[in-house]
């Protein structure tokens, strides 16, 4: 429910520290509830979350929001858009105060082309996303909404973050009304 990637974060931190002029990778801060990236716009950098939690979601044509994932330390955003040369697929919102390593697009390209360890870590991140997406889809098919709701409540408690009812419903793929019924029964 909250994805992290500490090996990738450690590698990015090392690259950041080794920079002579700190221009290819910079630290950026995002305030709670600010937009890190917005669906349909152009990403001007690839970001690695140093600390904090972000919400990755899509706005559907019917006006509904679908939360793809909650991401934390070491997770990367903007890389798919760079690789495919497309506008942002999702909107990324900071759920907490967030600090991220912002990698310039030319440097990101250079890392992919010349740094085998970086490329391996990126491939591992992609593979993990595919596994998580398929696992989540099967989990939601095989478990009750009540069970998924309890997992979200555990996440809130563990991470000390408040997830709104709207976000919970969007993540679970249910209506607010259904969520309210589940919450009432959960107590």
N, C-alpha and C. Protein backbone atom coordinates (compact mmCIF):
# COMPACT_ATOMS: atom_id res chain seq x y z
N UNK A 1 0.81 -1.19 0.00
CA UNK A 1 0.00 0.00 0.00
C UNK A 1 0.85 1.26 0.00
N UNK A 2 2.00 1.21 0.65
CA UNK A 2 2.96 2.31 0.55
C UNK A 2 4.24 1.71 0.01
N UNK A 3 4.60 2.11 -1.18
CA UNK A 3 5.77 1.55 -1.85
C UNK A 3 7.01 2.39 -1.53
N UNK A 4 8.10 1.69 -1.26
CA UNK A 4 9.39 2.35 -1.03
C UNK A 4 10.47 1.59 -1.80
N UNK A 5 11.62 2.23 -1.98
CA UNK A 5 12.72 1.59 -2.69
C UNK A 5 14.03 2.12 -2.10
N UNK A 6 14.42 1.57 -0.95
CA UNK A 6 15.60 2.08 -0.25
C UNK A 6 16.92 1.83 -1.00
N UNK A 7 17.08 0.72 -1.73
CA UNK A 7 18.34 0.57 -2.48
C UNK A 7 18.53 1.66 -3.54
N UNK A 8 17.45 2.00 -4.24
CA UNK A 8 17.55 3.05 -5.26
C UNK A 8 17.82 4.40 -4.60
N UNK A 9 17.16 4.66 -3.48
CA UNK A 9 17.39 5.92 -2.76
C UNK A 9 18.84 6.03 -2.34
N UNK A 10 19.42 4.97 -1.81
CA UNK A 10 20.83 5.00 -1.38
C UNK A 10 21.74 5.32 -2.56
N UNK A 11 21.43 4.76 -3.72
CA UNK A 11 22.26 5.02 -4.91
C UNK A 11 22.12 6.47 -5.36
N UNK A 12 20.91 7.00 -5.37
CA UNK A 12 20.70 8.39 -5.78
C UNK A 12 21.38 9.34 -4.79
N UNK A 13 21.30 9.03 -3.50
CA UNK A 13 21.98 9.87 -2.49
C UNK A 13 23.48 9.89 -2.73
N UNK A 14 24.04 8.74 -3.10
CA UNK A 14 25.47 8.69 -3.40
C UNK A 14 25.81 9.53 -4.62
N UNK A 15 25.00 9.43 -5.68
CA UNK A 15 25.22 10.25 -6.87
C UNK A 15 25.13 11.74 -6.54
N UNK A 16 24.17 12.09 -5.71
CA UNK A 16 23.99 13.48 -5.30
C UNK A 16 25.22 14.00 -4.58
N UNK A 17 25.74 13.22 -3.65
CA UNK A 17 26.91 13.63 -2.87
C UNK A 17 28.17 13.73 -3.72
N UNK A 18 28.28 12.90 -4.76
CA UNK A 18 29.48 12.89 -5.61
C UNK A 18 29.52 14.02 -6.63
N UNK A 19 28.42 14.73 -6.82
CA UNK A 19 28.39 15.83 -7.79
C UNK A 19 29.38 16.93 -7.38
N UNK A 20 30.05 17.47 -8.35
CA UNK A 20 30.98 18.57 -8.06
C UNK A 20 30.22 19.87 -7.79
N UNK A 21 29.24 20.19 -8.67
CA UNK A 21 28.56 21.49 -8.56
C UNK A 21 27.08 21.38 -8.18
N UNK A 22 26.59 20.20 -7.91
CA UNK A 22 25.19 19.98 -7.49
C UNK A 22 24.19 20.60 -8.47
N UNK A 23 24.39 20.35 -9.77
CA UNK A 23 23.49 20.90 -10.79
C UNK A 23 22.64 19.83 -11.46
N UNK A 24 23.17 18.63 -11.63
CA UNK A 24 22.44 17.57 -12.33
C UNK A 24 21.35 16.97 -11.43
N UNK A 25 21.61 16.96 -10.13
CA UNK A 25 20.64 16.47 -9.15
C UNK A 25 20.52 17.55 -8.08
N UNK A 26 19.30 18.03 -7.89
CA UNK A 26 19.07 19.03 -6.83
C UNK A 26 17.98 18.53 -5.89
N UNK A 27 17.96 19.07 -4.69
CA UNK A 27 16.90 18.73 -3.74
C UNK A 27 15.77 19.73 -3.89
N UNK A 28 14.54 19.22 -3.92
CA UNK A 28 13.36 20.08 -4.00
C UNK A 28 12.42 19.71 -2.87
N UNK A 29 11.81 20.72 -2.29
CA UNK A 29 10.82 20.51 -1.24
C UNK A 29 9.43 20.81 -1.78
N UNK A 30 8.46 20.01 -1.33
CA UNK A 30 7.07 20.19 -1.71
C UNK A 30 6.24 20.22 -0.44
N UNK A 31 5.38 21.21 -0.33
CA UNK A 31 4.54 21.31 0.86
C UNK A 31 3.39 20.32 0.77
N UNK A 32 2.84 20.00 1.94
CA UNK A 32 1.71 19.08 2.03
C UNK A 32 0.58 19.58 1.12
N UNK A 33 0.01 18.67 0.36
CA UNK A 33 -1.10 18.90 -0.58
C UNK A 33 -0.71 19.68 -1.83
N UNK A 34 0.58 19.91 -2.05
CA UNK A 34 0.98 20.56 -3.30
C UNK A 34 1.12 19.49 -4.38
N UNK A 35 1.05 19.94 -5.64
CA UNK A 35 1.19 19.01 -6.76
C UNK A 35 2.65 18.95 -7.20
N UNK A 36 3.17 17.74 -7.23
CA UNK A 36 4.55 17.50 -7.64
C UNK A 36 4.60 17.42 -9.17
N UNK A 37 3.66 16.71 -9.76
CA UNK A 37 3.47 16.62 -11.21
C UNK A 37 1.96 16.64 -11.45
N UNK A 38 1.56 17.09 -12.64
CA UNK A 38 0.14 17.10 -12.96
C UNK A 38 -0.13 16.37 -14.26
N UNK A 39 -1.15 15.53 -14.23
CA UNK A 39 -1.56 14.74 -15.39
C UNK A 39 -1.73 15.65 -16.61
N UNK A 40 -1.15 15.21 -17.72
CA UNK A 40 -1.29 15.94 -18.98
C UNK A 40 -0.25 17.02 -19.22
N UNK A 41 0.56 17.34 -18.21
CA UNK A 41 1.60 18.35 -18.39
C UNK A 41 2.93 17.67 -18.69
N UNK A 42 3.93 18.46 -18.98
CA UNK A 42 5.26 17.93 -19.27
C UNK A 42 6.10 17.89 -18.01
N UNK A 43 6.73 16.75 -17.76
CA UNK A 43 7.66 16.63 -16.63
C UNK A 43 9.01 17.20 -17.08
N UNK A 44 9.58 18.07 -16.26
CA UNK A 44 10.85 18.71 -16.60
C UNK A 44 12.04 18.08 -15.88
N UNK A 45 11.76 17.06 -15.09
CA UNK A 45 12.80 16.34 -14.36
C UNK A 45 12.22 15.00 -13.93
N UNK A 46 13.10 14.12 -13.51
CA UNK A 46 12.70 12.85 -12.91
C UNK A 46 12.96 13.00 -11.42
N UNK A 47 11.99 12.60 -10.61
CA UNK A 47 12.08 12.82 -9.17
C UNK A 47 12.18 11.50 -8.40
N UNK A 48 13.04 11.49 -7.39
CA UNK A 48 13.17 10.37 -6.46
C UNK A 48 12.81 10.90 -5.07
N UNK A 49 11.87 10.27 -4.42
CA UNK A 49 11.41 10.72 -3.12
C UNK A 49 12.48 10.42 -2.07
N UNK A 50 12.96 11.47 -1.42
CA UNK A 50 13.92 11.31 -0.33
C UNK A 50 13.18 11.06 0.98
N UNK A 51 12.14 11.85 1.22
CA UNK A 51 11.31 11.65 2.40
C UNK A 51 9.92 12.18 2.14
N UNK A 52 8.95 11.59 2.83
CA UNK A 52 7.57 11.99 2.67
C UNK A 52 6.77 10.95 1.90
N UNK A 53 5.48 11.26 1.74
CA UNK A 53 4.57 10.34 1.06
C UNK A 53 3.81 11.11 -0.01
N UNK A 54 3.74 10.51 -1.19
CA UNK A 54 2.98 11.11 -2.30
C UNK A 54 1.85 10.18 -2.71
N UNK A 55 0.86 10.79 -3.33
CA UNK A 55 -0.28 10.04 -3.87
C UNK A 55 -0.20 10.18 -5.38
N UNK A 56 -0.23 9.05 -6.07
CA UNK A 56 -0.19 9.02 -7.53
C UNK A 56 -1.59 8.64 -7.99
N UNK A 57 -2.25 9.55 -8.74
CA UNK A 57 -3.62 9.28 -9.16
C UNK A 57 -3.90 9.78 -10.57
N UNK A 58 -4.95 9.19 -11.16
CA UNK A 58 -5.41 9.59 -12.48
C UNK A 58 -6.80 10.17 -12.35
N UNK A 59 -7.05 11.23 -13.09
CA UNK A 59 -8.40 11.77 -13.22
C UNK A 59 -9.00 11.15 -14.47
N UNK A 60 -10.09 10.44 -14.29
CA UNK A 60 -10.73 9.76 -15.40
C UNK A 60 -11.66 10.71 -16.14
N UNK A 61 -12.04 10.34 -17.35
CA UNK A 61 -12.91 11.17 -18.18
C UNK A 61 -14.26 11.44 -17.51
N UNK A 62 -14.71 10.53 -16.65
CA UNK A 62 -15.99 10.70 -15.97
C UNK A 62 -15.88 11.61 -14.74
N UNK A 63 -14.69 12.20 -14.53
CA UNK A 63 -14.49 13.11 -13.42
C UNK A 63 -14.05 12.43 -12.13
N UNK A 64 -13.97 11.12 -12.13
CA UNK A 64 -13.57 10.40 -10.93
C UNK A 64 -12.06 10.27 -10.87
N UNK A 65 -11.59 10.16 -9.65
CA UNK A 65 -10.17 10.02 -9.38
C UNK A 65 -9.88 8.55 -9.08
N UNK A 66 -8.80 8.03 -9.65
CA UNK A 66 -8.37 6.66 -9.34
C UNK A 66 -6.95 6.73 -8.81
N UNK A 67 -6.76 6.29 -7.57
CA UNK A 67 -5.43 6.31 -6.96
C UNK A 67 -4.69 5.07 -7.39
N UNK A 68 -3.58 5.29 -8.06
CA UNK A 68 -2.74 4.19 -8.52
C UNK A 68 -1.94 3.62 -7.36
N UNK A 69 -1.33 4.53 -6.58
CA UNK A 69 -0.48 4.07 -5.48
C UNK A 69 -0.10 5.21 -4.57
N UNK A 70 0.31 4.85 -3.36
CA UNK A 70 0.94 5.76 -2.43
C UNK A 70 2.43 5.41 -2.45
N UNK A 71 3.28 6.41 -2.65
CA UNK A 71 4.72 6.17 -2.80
C UNK A 71 5.51 6.92 -1.73
N UNK A 72 6.59 6.29 -1.28
CA UNK A 72 7.45 6.87 -0.26
C UNK A 72 8.91 6.86 -0.67
N UNK A 73 9.78 6.77 0.30
CA UNK A 73 11.23 6.88 0.12
C UNK A 73 11.75 6.01 -1.02
N UNK A 74 12.52 6.65 -1.92
CA UNK A 74 13.21 5.93 -2.98
C UNK A 74 12.39 5.68 -4.22
N UNK A 75 11.10 5.97 -4.18
CA UNK A 75 10.27 5.76 -5.37
C UNK A 75 10.52 6.87 -6.38
N UNK A 76 10.39 6.53 -7.64
CA UNK A 76 10.69 7.44 -8.74
C UNK A 76 9.41 7.81 -9.48
N UNK A 77 9.32 9.08 -9.91
CA UNK A 77 8.21 9.54 -10.73
C UNK A 77 8.74 10.40 -11.87
N UNK A 78 8.06 10.33 -13.00
CA UNK A 78 8.46 11.10 -14.17
C UNK A 78 9.34 10.33 -15.14
N UNK A 79 9.77 9.14 -14.75
CA UNK A 79 10.69 8.36 -15.58
C UNK A 79 9.98 7.77 -16.80
N UNK A 80 8.76 7.31 -16.65
CA UNK A 80 8.03 6.72 -17.78
C UNK A 80 7.75 7.79 -18.82
N UNK A 81 7.35 8.96 -18.34
CA UNK A 81 7.07 10.08 -19.24
C UNK A 81 8.32 10.46 -20.03
N UNK A 82 9.47 10.44 -19.37
CA UNK A 82 10.72 10.74 -20.08
C UNK A 82 11.03 9.66 -21.11
N UNK A 83 10.97 8.41 -20.70
CA UNK A 83 11.32 7.31 -21.59
C UNK A 83 10.41 7.21 -22.81
N UNK A 84 9.13 7.49 -22.62
CA UNK A 84 8.17 7.40 -23.72
C UNK A 84 7.91 8.75 -24.40
N UNK A 85 8.50 9.82 -23.86
CA UNK A 85 8.33 11.18 -24.39
C UNK A 85 6.84 11.53 -24.49
N UNK A 86 6.17 11.39 -23.34
CA UNK A 86 4.73 11.66 -23.26
C UNK A 86 4.44 12.60 -22.09
N UNK A 87 3.27 13.23 -22.12
CA UNK A 87 2.87 14.05 -20.95
C UNK A 87 2.66 13.15 -19.73
N UNK A 88 2.61 13.76 -18.56
CA UNK A 88 2.44 13.02 -17.31
C UNK A 88 1.16 12.19 -17.35
N UNK A 89 1.29 10.93 -17.04
CA UNK A 89 0.15 10.01 -17.01
C UNK A 89 -0.73 10.24 -15.79
N UNK A 90 -0.11 10.64 -14.69
CA UNK A 90 -0.81 10.79 -13.42
C UNK A 90 -0.51 12.15 -12.80
N UNK A 91 -1.33 12.50 -11.85
CA UNK A 91 -1.03 13.64 -10.99
C UNK A 91 -0.38 13.08 -9.74
N UNK A 92 0.66 13.77 -9.30
CA UNK A 92 1.37 13.37 -8.09
C UNK A 92 1.16 14.48 -7.06
N UNK A 93 0.56 14.13 -5.92
CA UNK A 93 0.29 15.10 -4.86
C UNK A 93 1.03 14.70 -3.60
N UNK A 94 1.63 15.68 -2.94
CA UNK A 94 2.31 15.43 -1.67
C UNK A 94 1.25 15.28 -0.57
N UNK A 95 1.23 14.12 0.08
CA UNK A 95 0.31 13.92 1.20
C UNK A 95 0.90 14.44 2.50
N UNK A 96 2.23 14.50 2.54
CA UNK A 96 2.96 15.05 3.67
C UNK A 96 3.97 16.04 3.10
N UNK A 97 4.76 16.66 3.95
CA UNK A 97 5.90 17.43 3.45
C UNK A 97 6.79 16.43 2.71
N UNK A 98 7.26 16.80 1.53
CA UNK A 98 8.06 15.89 0.71
C UNK A 98 9.36 16.58 0.29
N UNK A 99 10.44 15.83 0.36
CA UNK A 99 11.72 16.26 -0.20
C UNK A 99 12.08 15.23 -1.26
N UNK A 100 12.47 15.71 -2.44
CA UNK A 100 12.79 14.80 -3.54
C UNK A 100 14.07 15.23 -4.23
N UNK A 101 14.79 14.25 -4.73
CA UNK A 101 15.94 14.51 -5.61
C UNK A 101 15.38 14.71 -7.00
N UNK A 102 15.67 15.85 -7.58
CA UNK A 102 15.22 16.19 -8.93
C UNK A 102 16.40 16.03 -9.88
N UNK A 103 16.28 15.07 -10.79
CA UNK A 103 17.37 14.77 -11.73
C UNK A 103 17.03 15.40 -13.08
N UNK A 104 17.96 16.19 -13.59
CA UNK A 104 17.75 16.81 -14.90
C UNK A 104 17.58 15.72 -15.96
N UNK A 105 16.79 16.01 -16.97
CA UNK A 105 16.52 15.01 -18.01
C UNK A 105 17.78 14.61 -18.78
N UNK A 106 18.68 15.54 -19.13
CA UNK A 106 19.92 15.11 -19.81
C UNK A 106 20.76 14.16 -18.94
N UNK A 107 20.83 14.45 -17.64
CA UNK A 107 21.61 13.60 -16.75
C UNK A 107 20.93 12.24 -16.57
N UNK A 108 19.62 12.23 -16.48
CA UNK A 108 18.87 10.97 -16.37
C UNK A 108 19.16 10.10 -17.60
N UNK A 109 19.14 10.71 -18.77
CA UNK A 109 19.43 9.99 -20.02
C UNK A 109 20.86 9.44 -19.98
N UNK A 110 21.79 10.25 -19.53
CA UNK A 110 23.19 9.82 -19.44
C UNK A 110 23.33 8.63 -18.48
N UNK A 111 22.64 8.68 -17.35
CA UNK A 111 22.70 7.57 -16.39
C UNK A 111 22.18 6.28 -17.01
N UNK A 112 21.08 6.37 -17.73
CA UNK A 112 20.52 5.18 -18.37
C UNK A 112 21.49 4.59 -19.38
N UNK A 113 22.13 5.47 -20.16
CA UNK A 113 23.02 5.01 -21.23
C UNK A 113 24.39 4.55 -20.74
N UNK A 114 24.88 5.12 -19.63
CA UNK A 114 26.27 4.87 -19.24
C UNK A 114 26.47 4.21 -17.88
N UNK A 115 25.43 4.08 -17.09
CA UNK A 115 25.58 3.54 -15.74
C UNK A 115 24.78 2.25 -15.60
N UNK A 116 25.44 1.10 -15.74
CA UNK A 116 24.71 -0.18 -15.69
C UNK A 116 23.99 -0.42 -14.36
N UNK A 117 24.57 0.02 -13.24
CA UNK A 117 23.91 -0.19 -11.96
C UNK A 117 22.63 0.64 -11.87
N UNK A 118 22.68 1.88 -12.34
CA UNK A 118 21.49 2.73 -12.36
C UNK A 118 20.41 2.08 -13.22
N UNK A 119 20.79 1.61 -14.39
CA UNK A 119 19.83 0.97 -15.29
C UNK A 119 19.22 -0.28 -14.66
N UNK A 120 20.04 -1.03 -13.94
CA UNK A 120 19.55 -2.24 -13.27
C UNK A 120 18.54 -1.88 -12.17
N UNK A 121 18.86 -0.84 -11.39
CA UNK A 121 17.95 -0.40 -10.34
C UNK A 121 16.63 0.10 -10.93
N UNK A 122 16.71 0.78 -12.07
CA UNK A 122 15.50 1.26 -12.74
C UNK A 122 14.66 0.09 -13.25
N UNK A 123 15.31 -0.90 -13.85
CA UNK A 123 14.59 -2.10 -14.31
C UNK A 123 13.94 -2.83 -13.13
N UNK A 124 14.67 -2.92 -12.02
CA UNK A 124 14.10 -3.55 -10.83
C UNK A 124 12.86 -2.79 -10.35
N UNK A 125 12.92 -1.45 -10.40
CA UNK A 125 11.77 -0.63 -9.99
C UNK A 125 10.57 -0.89 -10.90
N UNK A 126 10.81 -1.00 -12.21
CA UNK A 126 9.73 -1.30 -13.15
C UNK A 126 9.14 -2.68 -12.88
N UNK A 127 10.00 -3.67 -12.67
CA UNK A 127 9.53 -5.02 -12.39
C UNK A 127 8.70 -5.05 -11.11
N UNK A 128 9.15 -4.34 -10.09
CA UNK A 128 8.42 -4.28 -8.82
C UNK A 128 7.04 -3.64 -9.02
N UNK A 129 6.97 -2.62 -9.85
CA UNK A 129 5.67 -1.98 -10.13
C UNK A 129 4.71 -2.94 -10.82
N UNK A 130 5.22 -3.71 -11.76
CA UNK A 130 4.37 -4.68 -12.46
C UNK A 130 3.86 -5.73 -11.47
N UNK A 131 4.75 -6.21 -10.62
CA UNK A 131 4.35 -7.20 -9.61
C UNK A 131 3.31 -6.60 -8.67
N UNK A 132 3.56 -5.38 -8.19
CA UNK A 132 2.63 -4.74 -7.25
C UNK A 132 1.27 -4.47 -7.89
N UNK A 133 1.27 -4.03 -9.14
CA UNK A 133 0.01 -3.75 -9.82
C UNK A 133 -0.81 -5.02 -10.00
N UNK A 134 -0.17 -6.09 -10.44
CA UNK A 134 -0.91 -7.34 -10.63
C UNK A 134 -1.33 -7.93 -9.29
N UNK A 135 -0.50 -7.82 -8.28
CA UNK A 135 -0.86 -8.32 -6.95
C UNK A 135 -2.04 -7.54 -6.38
N UNK A 136 -2.02 -6.23 -6.56
CA UNK A 136 -3.12 -5.41 -6.05
C UNK A 136 -4.43 -5.76 -6.75
N UNK A 137 -4.36 -5.94 -8.06
CA UNK A 137 -5.58 -6.28 -8.81
C UNK A 137 -6.15 -7.61 -8.31
N UNK A 138 -5.31 -8.60 -8.14
CA UNK A 138 -5.82 -9.90 -7.66
C UNK A 138 -6.27 -9.80 -6.21
N UNK A 139 -5.57 -9.02 -5.41
CA UNK A 139 -5.94 -8.84 -4.00
C UNK A 139 -7.33 -8.24 -3.90
N UNK A 140 -7.59 -7.21 -4.71
CA UNK A 140 -8.90 -6.57 -4.65
C UNK A 140 -10.01 -7.49 -5.16
N UNK A 141 -9.67 -8.42 -6.01
CA UNK A 141 -10.66 -9.38 -6.49
C UNK A 141 -10.94 -10.47 -5.46
N UNK A 142 -9.91 -10.83 -4.70
CA UNK A 142 -10.02 -11.98 -3.81
C UNK A 142 -10.37 -11.64 -2.36
N UNK A 143 -10.19 -10.39 -1.97
CA UNK A 143 -10.45 -10.00 -0.59
C UNK A 143 -11.64 -9.05 -0.52
N UNK A 144 -12.25 -9.02 0.62
CA UNK A 144 -13.38 -8.14 0.82
C UNK A 144 -12.90 -6.69 0.93
N UNK A 145 -13.81 -5.78 0.68
CA UNK A 145 -13.52 -4.36 0.83
C UNK A 145 -13.16 -4.08 2.29
N UNK A 146 -13.82 -4.78 3.21
CA UNK A 146 -13.54 -4.60 4.63
C UNK A 146 -12.08 -4.92 4.95
N UNK A 147 -11.57 -5.99 4.35
CA UNK A 147 -10.18 -6.37 4.59
C UNK A 147 -9.23 -5.30 4.03
N UNK A 148 -9.50 -4.82 2.82
CA UNK A 148 -8.67 -3.78 2.21
C UNK A 148 -8.74 -2.50 3.03
N UNK A 149 -9.92 -2.18 3.53
CA UNK A 149 -10.10 -1.00 4.38
C UNK A 149 -9.24 -1.12 5.63
N UNK A 150 -9.23 -2.29 6.24
CA UNK A 150 -8.43 -2.48 7.46
C UNK A 150 -6.95 -2.28 7.17
N UNK A 151 -6.50 -2.70 6.00
CA UNK A 151 -5.09 -2.50 5.62
C UNK A 151 -4.78 -1.02 5.46
N UNK A 152 -5.70 -0.26 4.88
CA UNK A 152 -5.51 1.19 4.75
C UNK A 152 -5.45 1.85 6.12
N UNK A 153 -6.28 1.40 7.04
CA UNK A 153 -6.28 1.95 8.39
C UNK A 153 -4.94 1.66 9.08
N UNK A 154 -4.40 0.46 8.86
CA UNK A 154 -3.08 0.11 9.42
C UNK A 154 -2.00 1.02 8.84
N UNK A 155 -2.07 1.28 7.53
CA UNK A 155 -1.09 2.16 6.89
C UNK A 155 -1.13 3.55 7.52
N UNK A 156 -2.32 4.08 7.70
CA UNK A 156 -2.47 5.40 8.33
C UNK A 156 -1.81 5.42 9.70
N UNK A 157 -2.06 4.39 10.47
CA UNK A 157 -1.54 4.32 11.83
C UNK A 157 -0.01 4.20 11.82
N UNK A 158 0.51 3.30 11.00
CA UNK A 158 1.97 3.07 10.93
C UNK A 158 2.72 4.29 10.45
N UNK A 159 2.18 4.98 9.43
CA UNK A 159 2.88 6.11 8.82
C UNK A 159 2.49 7.45 9.44
N UNK A 160 1.54 7.42 10.37
CA UNK A 160 1.06 8.64 11.01
C UNK A 160 0.64 9.68 9.98
N UNK A 161 -0.16 9.22 9.01
CA UNK A 161 -0.67 10.09 7.96
C UNK A 161 -2.17 9.91 7.86
N UNK A 162 -2.87 10.98 7.63
CA UNK A 162 -4.33 10.91 7.49
C UNK A 162 -4.69 10.78 6.01
N UNK A 163 -5.43 9.73 5.68
CA UNK A 163 -5.91 9.54 4.32
C UNK A 163 -7.40 9.88 4.33
N UNK A 164 -7.78 10.82 3.49
CA UNK A 164 -9.18 11.27 3.47
C UNK A 164 -10.10 10.14 3.00
N UNK A 165 -11.38 10.27 3.33
CA UNK A 165 -12.37 9.29 2.87
C UNK A 165 -12.39 9.23 1.35
N UNK A 166 -12.28 10.39 0.72
CA UNK A 166 -12.27 10.44 -0.75
C UNK A 166 -11.11 9.64 -1.31
N UNK A 167 -9.91 9.81 -0.70
CA UNK A 167 -8.74 9.07 -1.16
C UNK A 167 -8.86 7.57 -0.90
N UNK A 168 -9.41 7.22 0.24
CA UNK A 168 -9.61 5.79 0.54
C UNK A 168 -10.55 5.17 -0.50
N UNK A 169 -11.65 5.84 -0.76
CA UNK A 169 -12.61 5.32 -1.74
C UNK A 169 -11.97 5.22 -3.12
N UNK A 170 -11.21 6.24 -3.50
CA UNK A 170 -10.55 6.22 -4.82
C UNK A 170 -9.52 5.11 -4.90
N UNK A 171 -8.81 4.85 -3.83
CA UNK A 171 -7.81 3.78 -3.82
C UNK A 171 -8.47 2.41 -3.89
N UNK A 172 -9.58 2.26 -3.17
CA UNK A 172 -10.27 0.97 -3.14
C UNK A 172 -11.19 0.76 -4.34
N UNK A 173 -11.43 1.83 -5.11
CA UNK A 173 -12.30 1.72 -6.28
C UNK A 173 -13.76 1.58 -5.90
N UNK A 174 -14.17 2.26 -4.81
CA UNK A 174 -15.55 2.19 -4.35
C UNK A 174 -16.08 3.61 -4.15
N UNK A 175 -17.37 3.72 -3.89
CA UNK A 175 -17.97 5.02 -3.64
C UNK A 175 -17.79 5.41 -2.17
N UNK A 176 -17.96 6.69 -1.89
CA UNK A 176 -17.91 7.18 -0.50
C UNK A 176 -19.00 6.49 0.32
N UNK A 177 -20.15 6.31 -0.27
CA UNK A 177 -21.26 5.67 0.43
C UNK A 177 -20.89 4.26 0.87
N UNK A 178 -20.27 3.50 -0.03
CA UNK A 178 -19.83 2.14 0.32
C UNK A 178 -18.76 2.20 1.40
N UNK A 179 -17.85 3.15 1.27
CA UNK A 179 -16.79 3.29 2.28
C UNK A 179 -17.40 3.60 3.65
N UNK A 180 -18.38 4.48 3.69
CA UNK A 180 -19.03 4.81 4.94
C UNK A 180 -19.69 3.58 5.59
N UNK A 181 -20.31 2.76 4.76
CA UNK A 181 -20.92 1.52 5.26
C UNK A 181 -19.87 0.58 5.83
N UNK A 182 -18.74 0.46 5.10
CA UNK A 182 -17.65 -0.41 5.57
C UNK A 182 -17.08 0.11 6.88
N UNK A 183 -16.86 1.42 6.95
CA UNK A 183 -16.31 2.03 8.16
C UNK A 183 -17.25 1.82 9.35
N UNK A 184 -18.55 1.95 9.13
CA UNK A 184 -19.52 1.76 10.20
C UNK A 184 -19.47 0.32 10.69
N UNK A 185 -19.42 -0.63 9.78
CA UNK A 185 -19.36 -2.05 10.15
C UNK A 185 -18.02 -2.41 10.78
N UNK A 186 -16.97 -1.70 10.40
CA UNK A 186 -15.62 -1.99 10.89
C UNK A 186 -15.50 -1.69 12.39
N UNK A 187 -16.22 -0.66 12.83
CA UNK A 187 -16.15 -0.27 14.24
C UNK A 187 -16.81 -1.33 15.07
